[in-house]
Amino acid sequence: MKKLVVIDPEILGGEAVFAGTRVPVKSLFDHIEAGETIEDFLEGFPAVSREQVIALLEESKLHALAGI
C-alpha cells in the first residue's frame, strides 16, 4: 500500500501530514470531531484526495478493532 502519512522534521516540524501534502492528519480528525463531513474537509484541503482520507480512516479502523 502506498504510504498514507509522512512524518518528516522538514515538513511542519515533524507533524504527521498526508503524503504528498503539507496538510496535517490532525486536521481531518479535528473536522470530524467538530461534526463536519469528509466533503467539508476535502473542500478546505484540496491537496488531499478522497482516497487518502478513506484509506486513513480504514487504517485507523483496523488499528482500533485490533486494539492497537
PDB file of N, CA and C in Angstrom:
ATOM      1  N   MET A   1       0.837  -1.180   0.000  1.00  0.00           N
ATOM      2  CA  MET A   1       0.000   0.000   0.000  1.00  0.00           C
ATOM      3  C   MET A   1       0.883   1.244   0.000  1.00  0.00           C
ATOM      4  N   LYS A   2       0.435   2.234  -0.733  1.00  0.00           N
ATOM      5  CA  LYS A   2       1.158   3.500  -0.786  1.00  0.00           C
ATOM      6  C   LYS A   2       1.147   4.149   0.598  1.00  0.00           C
ATOM      7  N   LYS A   3       2.227   4.813   0.915  1.00  0.00           N
ATOM      8  CA  LYS A   3       2.337   5.465   2.218  1.00  0.00           C
ATOM      9  C   LYS A   3       1.262   6.551   2.345  1.00  0.00           C
ATOM     10  N   LEU A   4       0.538   6.540   3.442  1.00  0.00           N
ATOM     11  CA  LEU A   4      -0.546   7.489   3.665  1.00  0.00           C
ATOM     12  C   LEU A   4      -0.103   8.723   4.424  1.00  0.00           C
ATOM     13  N   VAL A   5       0.792   8.519   5.372  1.00  0.00           N
ATOM     14  CA  VAL A   5       1.195   9.582   6.288  1.00  0.00           C
ATOM     15  C   VAL A   5       2.710   9.714   6.257  1.00  0.00           C
ATOM     16  N   VAL A   6       3.160  10.954   6.294  1.00  0.00           N
ATOM     17  CA  VAL A   6       4.594  11.236   6.331  1.00  0.00           C
ATOM     18  C   VAL A   6       4.890  12.042   7.586  1.00  0.00           C
ATOM     19  N   ILE A   7       5.950  11.642   8.272  1.00  0.00           N
ATOM     20  CA  ILE A   7       6.450  12.403   9.418  1.00  0.00           C
ATOM     21  C   ILE A   7       7.899  12.729   9.106  1.00  0.00           C
ATOM     22  N   ASP A   8       8.136  14.008   8.842  1.00  0.00           N
ATOM     23  CA  ASP A   8       9.454  14.467   8.422  1.00  0.00           C
ATOM     24  C   ASP A   8       9.740  15.777   9.151  1.00  0.00           C
ATOM     25  N   PRO A   9      10.860  15.864   9.861  1.00  0.00           N
ATOM     26  CA  PRO A   9      11.157  17.093  10.597  1.00  0.00           C
ATOM     27  C   PRO A   9      11.239  18.334   9.696  1.00  0.00           C
ATOM     28  N   GLU A  10      11.408  18.127   8.405  1.00  0.00           N
ATOM     29  CA  GLU A  10      11.485  19.247   7.466  1.00  0.00           C
ATOM     30  C   GLU A  10      10.097  19.720   7.011  1.00  0.00           C
ATOM     31  N   ILE A  11       9.063  18.963   7.340  1.00  0.00           N
ATOM     32  CA  ILE A  11       7.695  19.324   6.943  1.00  0.00           C
ATOM     33  C   ILE A  11       6.876  19.587   8.199  1.00  0.00           C
ATOM     34  N   LEU A  12       6.475  20.826   8.377  1.00  0.00           N
ATOM     35  CA  LEU A  12       5.676  21.251   9.537  1.00  0.00           C
ATOM     36  C   LEU A  12       6.267  20.783  10.861  1.00  0.00           C
ATOM     37  N   GLY A  13       7.592  20.814  10.947  1.00  0.00           N
ATOM     38  CA  GLY A  13       8.257  20.470  12.200  1.00  0.00           C
ATOM     39  C   GLY A  13       8.071  19.026  12.639  1.00  0.00           C
ATOM     40  N   GLY A  14       7.781  18.147  11.695  1.00  0.00           N
ATOM     41  CA  GLY A  14       7.642  16.729  12.037  1.00  0.00           C
ATOM     42  C   GLY A  14       6.230  16.297  12.365  1.00  0.00           C
ATOM     43  N   GLU A  15       5.265  17.190  12.159  1.00  0.00           N
ATOM     44  CA  GLU A  15       3.869  16.820  12.387  1.00  0.00           C
ATOM     45  C   GLU A  15       3.439  15.826  11.305  1.00  0.00           C
ATOM     46  N   ALA A  16       2.598  14.878  11.647  1.00  0.00           N
ATOM     47  CA  ALA A  16       2.101  13.896  10.679  1.00  0.00           C
ATOM     48  C   ALA A  16       1.238  14.603   9.639  1.00  0.00           C
ATOM     49  N   VAL A  17       1.591  14.405   8.358  1.00  0.00           N
ATOM     50  CA  VAL A  17       0.840  15.016   7.263  1.00  0.00           C
ATOM     51  C   VAL A  17       0.440  13.944   6.250  1.00  0.00           C
ATOM     52  N   PHE A  18      -0.581  14.242   5.464  1.00  0.00           N
ATOM     53  CA  PHE A  18      -0.943  13.355   4.371  1.00  0.00           C
ATOM     54  C   PHE A  18       0.207  13.337   3.379  1.00  0.00           C
ATOM     55  N   ALA A  19       0.585  12.153   2.916  1.00  0.00           N
ATOM     56  CA  ALA A  19       1.694  12.005   1.974  1.00  0.00           C
ATOM     57  C   ALA A  19       1.472  12.893   0.753  1.00  0.00           C
ATOM     58  N   GLY A  20       2.540  13.583   0.341  1.00  0.00           N
ATOM     59  CA  GLY A  20       2.481  14.439  -0.835  1.00  0.00           C
ATOM     60  C   GLY A  20       1.866  15.797  -0.589  1.00  0.00           C
ATOM     61  N   THR A  21       1.566  16.101   0.686  1.00  0.00           N
ATOM     62  CA  THR A  21       0.946  17.390   1.025  1.00  0.00           C
ATOM     63  C   THR A  21       1.633  17.965   2.263  1.00  0.00           C
ATOM     64  N   ARG A  22       1.168  19.130   2.650  1.00  0.00           N
ATOM     65  CA  ARG A  22       1.570  19.726   3.925  1.00  0.00           C
ATOM     66  C   ARG A  22       0.342  19.842   4.842  1.00  0.00           C
ATOM     67  N   VAL A  23      -0.635  18.980   4.594  1.00  0.00           N
ATOM     68  CA  VAL A  23      -1.892  19.013   5.360  1.00  0.00           C
ATOM     69  C   VAL A  23      -1.774  18.065   6.542  1.00  0.00           C
ATOM     70  N   PRO A  24      -1.852  18.610   7.771  1.00  0.00           N
ATOM     71  CA  PRO A  24      -1.756  17.755   8.954  1.00  0.00           C
ATOM     72  C   PRO A  24      -2.910  16.757   9.043  1.00  0.00           C
ATOM     73  N   VAL A  25      -2.586  15.528   9.386  1.00  0.00           N
ATOM     74  CA  VAL A  25      -3.598  14.488   9.584  1.00  0.00           C
ATOM     75  C   VAL A  25      -4.556  14.911  10.697  1.00  0.00           C
ATOM     76  N   LYS A  26      -4.032  15.579  11.693  1.00  0.00           N
ATOM     77  CA  LYS A  26      -4.859  16.042  12.814  1.00  0.00           C
ATOM     78  C   LYS A  26      -6.021  16.898  12.333  1.00  0.00           C
ATOM     79  N   SER A  27      -5.827  17.622  11.240  1.00  0.00           N
ATOM     80  CA  SER A  27      -6.892  18.471  10.707  1.00  0.00           C
ATOM     81  C   SER A  27      -8.122  17.654  10.332  1.00  0.00           C
ATOM     82  N   LEU A  28      -7.913  16.473   9.768  1.00  0.00           N
ATOM     83  CA  LEU A  28      -9.052  15.620   9.418  1.00  0.00           C
ATOM     84  C   LEU A  28      -9.835  15.239  10.671  1.00  0.00           C
ATOM     85  N   PHE A  29      -9.124  14.785  11.686  1.00  0.00           N
ATOM     86  CA  PHE A  29      -9.806  14.361  12.911  1.00  0.00           C
ATOM     87  C   PHE A  29     -10.461  15.548  13.621  1.00  0.00           C
ATOM     88  N   ASP A  30      -9.838  16.716  13.569  1.00  0.00           N
ATOM     89  CA  ASP A  30     -10.454  17.915  14.139  1.00  0.00           C
ATOM     90  C   ASP A  30     -11.772  18.239  13.436  1.00  0.00           C
ATOM     91  N   HIS A  31     -11.785  18.122  12.112  1.00  0.00           N
ATOM     92  CA  HIS A  31     -13.007  18.384  11.350  1.00  0.00           C
ATOM     93  C   HIS A  31     -14.101  17.380  11.714  1.00  0.00           C
ATOM     94  N   ILE A  32     -13.735  16.112  11.791  1.00  0.00           N
ATOM     95  CA  ILE A  32     -14.720  15.077  12.132  1.00  0.00           C
ATOM     96  C   ILE A  32     -15.258  15.301  13.545  1.00  0.00           C
ATOM     97  N   GLU A  33     -14.368  15.607  14.488  1.00  0.00           N
ATOM     98  CA  GLU A  33     -14.797  15.856  15.872  1.00  0.00           C
ATOM     99  C   GLU A  33     -15.724  17.056  15.961  1.00  0.00           C
ATOM    100  N   ALA A  34     -15.555  18.014  15.058  1.00  0.00           N
ATOM    101  CA  ALA A  34     -16.400  19.208  15.061  1.00  0.00           C
ATOM    102  C   ALA A  34     -17.732  18.972  14.345  1.00  0.00           C
ATOM    103  N   GLY A  35     -17.943  17.749  13.848  1.00  0.00           N
ATOM    104  CA  GLY A  35     -19.200  17.416  13.206  1.00  0.00           C
ATOM    105  C   GLY A  35     -19.227  17.718  11.716  1.00  0.00           C
ATOM    106  N   GLU A  36     -18.079  18.038  11.150  1.00  0.00           N
ATOM    107  CA  GLU A  36     -18.022  18.324   9.720  1.00  0.00           C
ATOM    108  C   GLU A  36     -17.893  17.023   8.930  1.00  0.00           C
ATOM    109  N   THR A  37     -18.216  17.094   7.661  1.00  0.00           N
ATOM    110  CA  THR A  37     -18.169  15.917   6.807  1.00  0.00           C
ATOM    111  C   THR A  37     -16.806  15.795   6.128  1.00  0.00           C
ATOM    112  N   ILE A  38     -16.584  14.635   5.543  1.00  0.00           N
ATOM    113  CA  ILE A  38     -15.368  14.434   4.748  1.00  0.00           C
ATOM    114  C   ILE A  38     -15.355  15.437   3.597  1.00  0.00           C
ATOM    115  N   GLU A  39     -16.508  15.673   2.998  1.00  0.00           N
ATOM    116  CA  GLU A  39     -16.590  16.624   1.896  1.00  0.00           C
ATOM    117  C   GLU A  39     -16.180  18.028   2.345  1.00  0.00           C
ATOM    118  N   ASP A  40     -16.594  18.427   3.561  1.00  0.00           N
ATOM    119  CA  ASP A  40     -16.181  19.729   4.107  1.00  0.00           C
ATOM    120  C   ASP A  40     -14.661  19.792   4.211  1.00  0.00           C
ATOM    121  N   PHE A  41     -14.077  18.726   4.729  1.00  0.00           N
ATOM    122  CA  PHE A  41     -12.620  18.673   4.876  1.00  0.00           C
ATOM    123  C   PHE A  41     -11.948  18.782   3.513  1.00  0.00           C
ATOM    124  N   LEU A  42     -12.405  17.999   2.547  1.00  0.00           N
ATOM    125  CA  LEU A  42     -11.791  17.997   1.216  1.00  0.00           C
ATOM    126  C   LEU A  42     -11.929  19.352   0.528  1.00  0.00           C
ATOM    127  N   GLU A  43     -13.028  20.027   0.770  1.00  0.00           N
ATOM    128  CA  GLU A  43     -13.219  21.356   0.195  1.00  0.00           C
ATOM    129  C   GLU A  43     -12.183  22.338   0.743  1.00  0.00           C
ATOM    130  N   GLY A  44     -11.880  22.201   2.027  1.00  0.00           N
ATOM    131  CA  GLY A  44     -10.906  23.089   2.661  1.00  0.00           C
ATOM    132  C   GLY A  44      -9.461  22.710   2.383  1.00  0.00           C
ATOM    133  N   PHE A  45      -9.230  21.445   2.005  1.00  0.00           N
ATOM    134  CA  PHE A  45      -7.874  20.949   1.765  1.00  0.00           C
ATOM    135  C   PHE A  45      -7.832  20.182   0.439  1.00  0.00           C
ATOM    136  N   PRO A  46      -7.901  20.896  -0.681  1.00  0.00           N
ATOM    137  CA  PRO A  46      -7.962  20.223  -1.984  1.00  0.00           C
ATOM    138  C   PRO A  46      -6.710  19.427  -2.349  1.00  0.00           C
ATOM    139  N   ALA A  47      -5.619  19.611  -1.627  1.00  0.00           N
ATOM    140  CA  ALA A  47      -4.400  18.826  -1.896  1.00  0.00           C
ATOM    141  C   ALA A  47      -4.553  17.375  -1.452  1.00  0.00           C
ATOM    142  N   VAL A  48      -5.546  17.107  -0.602  1.00  0.00           N
ATOM    143  CA  VAL A  48      -5.790  15.749  -0.100  1.00  0.00           C
ATOM    144  C   VAL A  48      -6.902  15.131  -0.934  1.00  0.00           C
ATOM    145  N   SER A  49      -6.709  13.887  -1.343  1.00  0.00           N
ATOM    146  CA  SER A  49      -7.736  13.203  -2.132  1.00  0.00           C
ATOM    147  C   SER A  49      -8.710  12.452  -1.226  1.00  0.00           C
ATOM    148  N   ARG A  50      -9.880  12.214  -1.751  1.00  0.00           N
ATOM    149  CA  ARG A  50     -10.882  11.424  -1.028  1.00  0.00           C
ATOM    150  C   ARG A  50     -10.322  10.029  -0.730  1.00  0.00           C
ATOM    151  N   GLU A  51      -9.571   9.480  -1.662  1.00  0.00           N
ATOM    152  CA  GLU A  51      -8.983   8.151  -1.474  1.00  0.00           C
ATOM    153  C   GLU A  51      -8.017   8.145  -0.292  1.00  0.00           C
ATOM    154  N   GLN A  52      -7.238   9.216  -0.137  1.00  0.00           N
ATOM    155  CA  GLN A  52      -6.320   9.299   1.003  1.00  0.00           C
ATOM    156  C   GLN A  52      -7.095   9.316   2.320  1.00  0.00           C
ATOM    157  N   VAL A  53      -8.165  10.093   2.371  1.00  0.00           N
ATOM    158  CA  VAL A  53      -8.972  10.194   3.592  1.00  0.00           C
ATOM    159  C   VAL A  53      -9.581   8.838   3.933  1.00  0.00           C
ATOM    160  N   ILE A  54     -10.196   8.192   2.952  1.00  0.00           N
ATOM    161  CA  ILE A  54     -10.836   6.897   3.196  1.00  0.00           C
ATOM    162  C   ILE A  54      -9.802   5.865   3.628  1.00  0.00           C
ATOM    163  N   ALA A  55      -8.640   5.847   2.972  1.00  0.00           N
ATOM    164  CA  ALA A  55      -7.592   4.890   3.332  1.00  0.00           C
ATOM    165  C   ALA A  55      -7.112   5.127   4.760  1.00  0.00           C
ATOM    166  N   LEU A  56      -6.950   6.380   5.148  1.00  0.00           N
ATOM    167  CA  LEU A  56      -6.508   6.685   6.516  1.00  0.00           C
ATOM    168  C   LEU A  56      -7.567   6.257   7.536  1.00  0.00           C
ATOM    169  N   LEU A  57      -8.825   6.522   7.236  1.00  0.00           N
ATOM    170  CA  LEU A  57      -9.891   6.104   8.150  1.00  0.00           C
ATOM    171  C   LEU A  57      -9.983   4.586   8.241  1.00  0.00           C
ATOM    172  N   GLU A  58      -9.806   3.901   7.128  1.00  0.00           N
ATOM    173  CA  GLU A  58      -9.815   2.430   7.142  1.00  0.00           C
ATOM    174  C   GLU A  58      -8.651   1.893   7.980  1.00  0.00           C
ATOM    175  N   GLU A  59      -7.480   2.484   7.801  1.00  0.00           N
ATOM    176  CA  GLU A  59      -6.307   2.059   8.575  1.00  0.00           C
ATOM    177  C   GLU A  59      -6.541   2.308  10.070  1.00  0.00           C
ATOM    178  N   SER A  60      -7.102   3.455  10.402  1.00  0.00           N
ATOM    179  CA  SER A  60      -7.423   3.772  11.798  1.00  0.00           C
ATOM    180  C   SER A  60      -8.426   2.787  12.365  1.00  0.00           C
ATOM    181  N   LYS A  61      -9.411   2.437  11.559  1.00  0.00           N
ATOM    182  CA  LYS A  61     -10.433   1.456  11.968  1.00  0.00           C
ATOM    183  C   LYS A  61      -9.786   0.099  12.278  1.00  0.00           C
ATOM    184  N   LEU A  62      -8.893  -0.347  11.395  1.00  0.00           N
ATOM    185  CA  LEU A  62      -8.219  -1.620  11.610  1.00  0.00           C
ATOM    186  C   LEU A  62      -7.418  -1.614  12.910  1.00  0.00           C
ATOM    187  N   HIS A  63      -6.731  -0.522  13.169  1.00  0.00           N
ATOM    188  CA  HIS A  63      -5.942  -0.417  14.416  1.00  0.00           C
ATOM    189  C   HIS A  63      -6.872  -0.437  15.629  1.00  0.00           C
ATOM    190  N   ALA A  64      -7.969   0.279  15.543  1.00  0.00           N
ATOM    191  CA  ALA A  64      -8.898   0.321  16.676  1.00  0.00           C
ATOM    192  C   ALA A  64      -9.510  -1.043  16.950  1.00  0.00           C
ATOM    193  N   LEU A  65      -9.898  -1.744  15.886  1.00  0.00           N
ATOM    194  CA  LEU A  65     -10.506  -3.050  16.059  1.00  0.00           C
ATOM    195  C   LEU A  65      -9.516  -4.097  16.542  1.00  0.00           C
ATOM    196  N   ALA A  66      -8.242  -3.890  16.221  1.00  0.00           N
ATOM    197  CA  ALA A  66      -7.195  -4.817  16.663  1.00  0.00           C
ATOM    198  C   ALA A  66      -6.692  -4.466  18.066  1.00  0.00           C
ATOM    199  N   GLY A  67      -7.181  -3.349  18.599  1.00  0.00           N
ATOM    200  CA  GLY A  67      -6.753  -2.943  19.934  1.00  0.00           C
ATOM    201  C   GLY A  67      -5.358  -2.338  19.976  1.00  0.00           C
ATOM    202  N   ILE A  68      -4.912  -1.814  18.831  1.00  0.00           N
ATOM    203  CA  ILE A  68      -3.568  -1.216  18.760  1.00  0.00           C
ATOM    204  C   ILE A  68      -3.657   0.249  19.115  1.00  0.00           C
TER     205      ILE A  68
END
